[in-house]
Amino acid sequence: QVQLMESGGGVVQPGGSLRLSCAASGSFFSIKTVGWYRQGPGKQRESVATITSEGITNYADSVMGRFTISRDDAKNTVSLQMNRLKPEDTAVYYCNADILATRPPGRRDYWGQGTQVTVSS
């Protein structure tokens, strides 16, 4: 009974910016590593950025310097600020979280439904 809900996707021109958000709800004790993944047309799903409960971040080479991941544990949210967007950033972006759930108890991996990001002129 844990849900992840993404928001903030949309259509922007190259060079534009978007901010994605993901909110966790349900019965859980804590959120460990959380991150953003994406899958473009005809491509495999790939990791974009992750952040641990200790604040350690990791970025894909293709987005380094342009994207920033952050988390707000008080609100159980994680965000992805995307700047200087390129057409190749077009994809469905998914929120993923490693969560220590309480009902039923256990550590499990959860995925959101995804939000579309389209970068086009």
N, C-alpha and C. Protein backbone atom coordinates (compact mmCIF):
# COMPACT_ATOMS: atom_id res chain seq x y z
N GLN A 1 0.80 -1.21 0.00
CA GLN A 1 0.00 0.00 0.00
C GLN A 1 0.84 1.27 0.00
N VAL A 2 1.76 1.33 -0.94
CA VAL A 2 2.58 2.52 -1.16
C VAL A 2 2.38 2.96 -2.60
N GLN A 3 2.18 4.24 -2.79
CA GLN A 3 2.00 4.80 -4.13
C GLN A 3 2.98 5.92 -4.39
N LEU A 4 3.46 6.00 -5.63
CA LEU A 4 4.29 7.09 -6.08
C LEU A 4 3.55 7.81 -7.19
N MET A 5 3.48 9.13 -7.10
CA MET A 5 2.75 9.92 -8.08
C MET A 5 3.63 11.03 -8.65
N GLU A 6 3.90 10.96 -9.95
CA GLU A 6 4.71 11.97 -10.62
C GLU A 6 3.84 13.11 -11.15
N SER A 7 4.45 14.27 -11.28
CA SER A 7 3.79 15.42 -11.86
C SER A 7 4.84 16.38 -12.40
N GLY A 8 4.41 17.29 -13.25
CA GLY A 8 5.30 18.32 -13.76
C GLY A 8 5.74 18.15 -15.20
N GLY A 9 5.37 17.06 -15.83
CA GLY A 9 5.75 16.86 -17.22
C GLY A 9 5.03 17.82 -18.14
N GLY A 10 5.52 17.91 -19.37
CA GLY A 10 4.90 18.80 -20.33
C GLY A 10 5.71 18.90 -21.60
N VAL A 11 5.36 19.89 -22.42
CA VAL A 11 6.04 20.14 -23.68
C VAL A 11 6.79 21.46 -23.60
N VAL A 12 8.07 21.42 -23.91
CA VAL A 12 8.90 22.63 -23.88
C VAL A 12 9.79 22.68 -25.11
N GLN A 13 10.28 23.87 -25.42
CA GLN A 13 11.22 24.03 -26.52
C GLN A 13 12.64 23.74 -26.06
N PRO A 14 13.51 23.37 -26.98
CA PRO A 14 14.91 23.15 -26.61
C PRO A 14 15.47 24.35 -25.86
N GLY A 15 16.21 24.07 -24.80
CA GLY A 15 16.76 25.13 -23.98
C GLY A 15 15.88 25.52 -22.82
N GLY A 16 14.66 25.01 -22.79
CA GLY A 16 13.73 25.32 -21.73
C GLY A 16 13.96 24.50 -20.48
N SER A 17 13.09 24.71 -19.49
CA SER A 17 13.21 24.02 -18.21
C SER A 17 11.89 23.43 -17.76
N LEU A 18 11.99 22.38 -16.97
CA LEU A 18 10.84 21.75 -16.34
C LEU A 18 11.27 21.24 -14.98
N ARG A 19 10.32 21.15 -14.07
CA ARG A 19 10.59 20.60 -12.75
C ARG A 19 9.59 19.48 -12.48
N LEU A 20 10.10 18.28 -12.31
CA LEU A 20 9.28 17.12 -12.02
C LEU A 20 9.24 16.87 -10.52
N SER A 21 8.09 16.39 -10.04
CA SER A 21 7.95 16.06 -8.64
C SER A 21 7.35 14.68 -8.49
N CYS A 22 7.69 14.02 -7.40
CA CYS A 22 7.17 12.70 -7.10
C CYS A 22 6.84 12.65 -5.62
N ALA A 23 5.61 12.26 -5.31
CA ALA A 23 5.17 12.19 -3.93
C ALA A 23 4.83 10.75 -3.55
N ALA A 24 5.30 10.33 -2.40
CA ALA A 24 5.02 8.99 -1.89
C ALA A 24 3.91 9.06 -0.85
N SER A 25 3.01 8.10 -0.91
CA SER A 25 1.92 8.03 0.06
C SER A 25 1.66 6.57 0.42
N GLY A 26 1.07 6.36 1.59
CA GLY A 26 0.78 5.02 2.04
C GLY A 26 1.42 4.72 3.38
N SER A 27 1.58 3.44 3.66
CA SER A 27 2.14 3.00 4.94
C SER A 27 3.59 2.57 4.76
N PHE A 28 4.51 3.40 5.23
CA PHE A 28 5.92 3.07 5.17
C PHE A 28 6.66 3.75 6.29
N PHE A 29 7.81 3.18 6.61
CA PHE A 29 8.63 3.72 7.69
C PHE A 29 9.63 4.74 7.18
N SER A 30 10.25 4.43 6.06
CA SER A 30 11.25 5.33 5.51
C SER A 30 11.49 5.04 4.04
N ILE A 31 12.03 6.03 3.37
CA ILE A 31 12.40 5.91 1.97
C ILE A 31 13.91 5.91 1.87
N LYS A 32 14.46 4.87 1.29
CA LYS A 32 15.91 4.78 1.15
C LYS A 32 16.32 5.52 -0.12
N THR A 33 16.89 4.83 -1.07
CA THR A 33 17.29 5.48 -2.31
C THR A 33 16.06 5.77 -3.18
N VAL A 34 16.02 6.95 -3.77
CA VAL A 34 14.94 7.34 -4.66
C VAL A 34 15.56 7.98 -5.89
N GLY A 35 14.90 7.82 -7.03
CA GLY A 35 15.49 8.38 -8.23
C GLY A 35 14.52 8.53 -9.38
N TRP A 36 15.05 9.07 -10.46
CA TRP A 36 14.28 9.26 -11.68
C TRP A 36 14.88 8.44 -12.81
N TYR A 37 14.02 7.79 -13.56
CA TYR A 37 14.41 7.00 -14.72
C TYR A 37 13.59 7.47 -15.91
N ARG A 38 14.07 7.20 -17.10
CA ARG A 38 13.32 7.61 -18.28
C ARG A 38 13.44 6.58 -19.38
N GLN A 39 12.44 6.59 -20.25
CA GLN A 39 12.43 5.71 -21.40
C GLN A 39 11.94 6.50 -22.61
N GLY A 40 12.84 6.74 -23.55
CA GLY A 40 12.50 7.45 -24.76
C GLY A 40 11.97 6.51 -25.83
N PRO A 41 11.43 7.05 -26.92
CA PRO A 41 10.90 6.23 -28.01
C PRO A 41 11.96 5.29 -28.57
N GLY A 42 11.66 4.01 -28.58
CA GLY A 42 12.57 3.02 -29.13
C GLY A 42 13.83 2.81 -28.32
N LYS A 43 13.84 3.25 -27.09
CA LYS A 43 15.02 3.12 -26.24
C LYS A 43 14.68 2.36 -24.96
N GLN A 44 15.72 1.85 -24.31
CA GLN A 44 15.54 1.16 -23.05
C GLN A 44 15.45 2.15 -21.90
N ARG A 45 14.83 1.72 -20.83
CA ARG A 45 14.74 2.57 -19.66
C ARG A 45 16.14 2.76 -19.06
N GLU A 46 16.44 3.98 -18.68
CA GLU A 46 17.75 4.29 -18.13
C GLU A 46 17.63 5.14 -16.88
N SER A 47 18.63 5.04 -16.05
CA SER A 47 18.68 5.86 -14.85
C SER A 47 19.09 7.28 -15.22
N VAL A 48 18.39 8.25 -14.66
CA VAL A 48 18.69 9.66 -14.90
C VAL A 48 19.44 10.25 -13.70
N ALA A 49 18.87 10.08 -12.52
CA ALA A 49 19.47 10.61 -11.31
C ALA A 49 18.92 9.88 -10.10
N THR A 50 19.76 9.66 -9.11
CA THR A 50 19.32 9.03 -7.87
C THR A 50 19.88 9.80 -6.69
N ILE A 51 19.22 9.64 -5.56
CA ILE A 51 19.69 10.26 -4.33
C ILE A 51 19.37 9.34 -3.16
N THR A 52 20.35 9.12 -2.30
CA THR A 52 20.17 8.24 -1.16
C THR A 52 19.59 9.00 0.01
N SER A 53 19.23 8.26 1.07
CA SER A 53 18.71 8.89 2.27
C SER A 53 19.75 9.75 2.96
N GLU A 54 21.01 9.55 2.62
CA GLU A 54 22.10 10.35 3.17
C GLU A 54 22.43 11.56 2.29
N GLY A 55 21.73 11.69 1.18
CA GLY A 55 21.94 12.83 0.31
C GLY A 55 22.97 12.64 -0.78
N ILE A 56 23.44 11.43 -0.98
CA ILE A 56 24.42 11.15 -2.02
C ILE A 56 23.71 11.05 -3.36
N THR A 57 24.17 11.81 -4.34
CA THR A 57 23.53 11.84 -5.65
C THR A 57 24.38 11.18 -6.72
N ASN A 58 23.70 10.73 -7.77
CA ASN A 58 24.37 10.14 -8.92
C ASN A 58 23.59 10.53 -10.17
N TYR A 59 24.31 10.97 -11.20
CA TYR A 59 23.68 11.43 -12.43
C TYR A 59 24.21 10.69 -13.64
N ALA A 60 23.34 10.53 -14.62
CA ALA A 60 23.78 10.01 -15.91
C ALA A 60 24.65 11.06 -16.58
N ASP A 61 25.64 10.61 -17.33
CA ASP A 61 26.55 11.54 -18.01
C ASP A 61 25.79 12.51 -18.92
N SER A 62 24.72 12.04 -19.53
CA SER A 62 23.98 12.84 -20.48
C SER A 62 23.23 14.02 -19.86
N VAL A 63 23.02 13.99 -18.54
CA VAL A 63 22.27 15.06 -17.89
C VAL A 63 23.10 15.82 -16.87
N MET A 64 24.29 15.37 -16.61
CA MET A 64 25.15 16.00 -15.61
C MET A 64 25.38 17.47 -15.96
N GLY A 65 25.18 18.32 -14.96
CA GLY A 65 25.35 19.75 -15.16
C GLY A 65 24.08 20.45 -15.59
N ARG A 66 23.08 19.69 -16.01
CA ARG A 66 21.81 20.28 -16.46
C ARG A 66 20.65 19.93 -15.53
N PHE A 67 20.68 18.73 -14.95
CA PHE A 67 19.61 18.27 -14.07
C PHE A 67 20.08 18.26 -12.62
N THR A 68 19.14 18.48 -11.71
CA THR A 68 19.44 18.43 -10.29
C THR A 68 18.33 17.68 -9.56
N ILE A 69 18.71 16.66 -8.80
CA ILE A 69 17.73 15.91 -8.02
C ILE A 69 17.80 16.36 -6.56
N SER A 70 16.65 16.40 -5.91
CA SER A 70 16.59 16.78 -4.51
C SER A 70 15.43 16.06 -3.83
N ARG A 71 15.48 15.97 -2.52
CA ARG A 71 14.40 15.31 -1.78
C ARG A 71 14.02 16.12 -0.55
N ASP A 72 12.75 16.01 -0.20
CA ASP A 72 12.21 16.67 0.98
C ASP A 72 11.55 15.57 1.82
N ASP A 73 12.28 15.06 2.79
CA ASP A 73 11.79 13.93 3.58
C ASP A 73 10.57 14.30 4.43
N ALA A 74 10.46 15.55 4.83
CA ALA A 74 9.32 15.98 5.62
C ALA A 74 8.02 15.88 4.83
N LYS A 75 8.12 16.03 3.51
CA LYS A 75 6.95 15.96 2.64
C LYS A 75 6.90 14.68 1.82
N ASN A 76 7.90 13.82 2.00
CA ASN A 76 7.99 12.56 1.25
C ASN A 76 7.95 12.80 -0.25
N THR A 77 8.75 13.74 -0.70
CA THR A 77 8.79 14.06 -2.12
C THR A 77 10.23 14.08 -2.63
N VAL A 78 10.35 13.89 -3.93
CA VAL A 78 11.63 14.01 -4.61
C VAL A 78 11.36 14.80 -5.89
N SER A 79 12.29 15.67 -6.24
CA SER A 79 12.11 16.52 -7.41
C SER A 79 13.29 16.38 -8.36
N LEU A 80 13.04 16.72 -9.61
CA LEU A 80 14.08 16.74 -10.63
C LEU A 80 13.96 18.04 -11.40
N GLN A 81 14.91 18.94 -11.18
CA GLN A 81 14.95 20.19 -11.91
C GLN A 81 15.73 19.95 -13.19
N MET A 82 15.09 20.20 -14.33
CA MET A 82 15.70 19.96 -15.62
C MET A 82 15.87 21.27 -16.36
N ASN A 83 17.11 21.63 -16.63
CA ASN A 83 17.43 22.87 -17.33
C ASN A 83 18.13 22.58 -18.65
N ARG A 84 18.09 23.57 -19.55
CA ARG A 84 18.73 23.45 -20.86
C ARG A 84 18.35 22.13 -21.54
N LEU A 85 17.06 21.90 -21.59
CA LEU A 85 16.55 20.65 -22.15
C LEU A 85 16.86 20.51 -23.63
N LYS A 86 17.10 19.27 -24.03
CA LYS A 86 17.43 18.93 -25.41
C LYS A 86 16.38 17.98 -25.97
N PRO A 87 16.23 17.91 -27.29
CA PRO A 87 15.27 16.97 -27.87
C PRO A 87 15.50 15.53 -27.41
N GLU A 88 16.74 15.15 -27.21
CA GLU A 88 17.04 13.80 -26.77
C GLU A 88 16.62 13.51 -25.33
N ASP A 89 16.17 14.54 -24.61
CA ASP A 89 15.63 14.34 -23.27
C ASP A 89 14.17 13.89 -23.32
N THR A 90 13.57 13.91 -24.49
CA THR A 90 12.18 13.50 -24.64
C THR A 90 12.01 12.04 -24.21
N ALA A 91 11.10 11.81 -23.27
CA ALA A 91 10.90 10.48 -22.73
C ALA A 91 9.78 10.50 -21.70
N VAL A 92 9.37 9.32 -21.29
CA VAL A 92 8.50 9.20 -20.14
C VAL A 92 9.41 9.06 -18.93
N TYR A 93 9.21 9.91 -17.95
CA TYR A 93 10.04 9.91 -16.76
C TYR A 93 9.31 9.22 -15.61
N TYR A 94 10.01 8.30 -14.96
CA TYR A 94 9.43 7.51 -13.89
C TYR A 94 10.15 7.77 -12.57
N CYS A 95 9.38 7.84 -11.52
CA CYS A 95 9.92 7.93 -10.17
C CYS A 95 10.07 6.53 -9.62
N ASN A 96 11.18 6.26 -8.97
CA ASN A 96 11.45 4.96 -8.36
C ASN A 96 11.95 5.16 -6.95
N ALA A 97 11.48 4.30 -6.04
CA ALA A 97 11.90 4.43 -4.65
C ALA A 97 12.07 3.08 -3.98
N ASP A 98 13.14 2.97 -3.22
CA ASP A 98 13.41 1.81 -2.38
C ASP A 98 12.83 2.16 -1.01
N ILE A 99 11.75 1.48 -0.62
CA ILE A 99 11.00 1.87 0.56
C ILE A 99 10.90 0.75 1.59
N LEU A 100 11.06 1.13 2.84
CA LEU A 100 10.84 0.22 3.95
C LEU A 100 9.39 0.39 4.37
N ALA A 101 8.53 -0.52 3.89
CA ALA A 101 7.10 -0.44 4.15
C ALA A 101 6.75 -1.03 5.51
N THR A 102 5.56 -0.65 6.00
CA THR A 102 5.09 -1.14 7.30
C THR A 102 3.92 -2.10 7.18
N ARG A 103 3.06 -1.93 6.16
CA ARG A 103 1.93 -2.80 5.95
C ARG A 103 1.75 -3.13 4.47
N PRO A 104 2.07 -4.37 4.07
CA PRO A 104 2.79 -5.35 4.86
C PRO A 104 4.25 -4.94 5.04
N PRO A 105 4.88 -5.40 6.09
CA PRO A 105 6.26 -4.98 6.37
C PRO A 105 7.24 -5.57 5.36
N GLY A 106 8.28 -4.81 5.07
CA GLY A 106 9.30 -5.27 4.16
C GLY A 106 9.90 -4.15 3.34
N ARG A 107 11.07 -4.39 2.79
CA ARG A 107 11.75 -3.42 1.96
C ARG A 107 11.49 -3.78 0.50
N ARG A 108 10.86 -2.86 -0.23
CA ARG A 108 10.48 -3.13 -1.60
C ARG A 108 10.74 -1.95 -2.52
N ASP A 109 10.77 -2.25 -3.81
CA ASP A 109 11.02 -1.27 -4.85
C ASP A 109 9.69 -0.87 -5.49
N TYR A 110 9.42 0.44 -5.57
CA TYR A 110 8.16 0.93 -6.12
C TYR A 110 8.40 1.85 -7.30
N TRP A 111 7.44 1.86 -8.23
CA TRP A 111 7.51 2.70 -9.41
C TRP A 111 6.24 3.54 -9.55
N GLY A 112 6.40 4.75 -10.05
CA GLY A 112 5.26 5.58 -10.38
C GLY A 112 4.76 5.24 -11.77
N GLN A 113 3.68 5.90 -12.18
CA GLN A 113 3.08 5.63 -13.49
C GLN A 113 3.80 6.34 -14.63
N GLY A 114 4.58 7.35 -14.32
CA GLY A 114 5.33 8.05 -15.33
C GLY A 114 4.68 9.36 -15.76
N THR A 115 5.50 10.29 -16.19
CA THR A 115 5.02 11.56 -16.71
C THR A 115 5.80 11.90 -17.98
N GLN A 116 5.08 12.35 -19.00
CA GLN A 116 5.69 12.60 -20.31
C GLN A 116 6.41 13.95 -20.35
N VAL A 117 7.63 13.92 -20.85
CA VAL A 117 8.40 15.13 -21.11
C VAL A 117 8.73 15.15 -22.59
N THR A 118 8.32 16.21 -23.28
CA THR A 118 8.58 16.34 -24.70
C THR A 118 9.32 17.64 -24.96
N VAL A 119 10.47 17.53 -25.60
CA VAL A 119 11.29 18.69 -25.93
C VAL A 119 11.32 18.79 -27.45
N SER A 120 10.67 19.81 -27.98
CA SER A 120 10.55 19.94 -29.43
C SER A 120 10.32 21.39 -29.82
N SER A 121 10.85 21.76 -30.99
CA SER A 121 10.62 23.08 -31.53
C SER A 121 9.44 23.09 -32.50
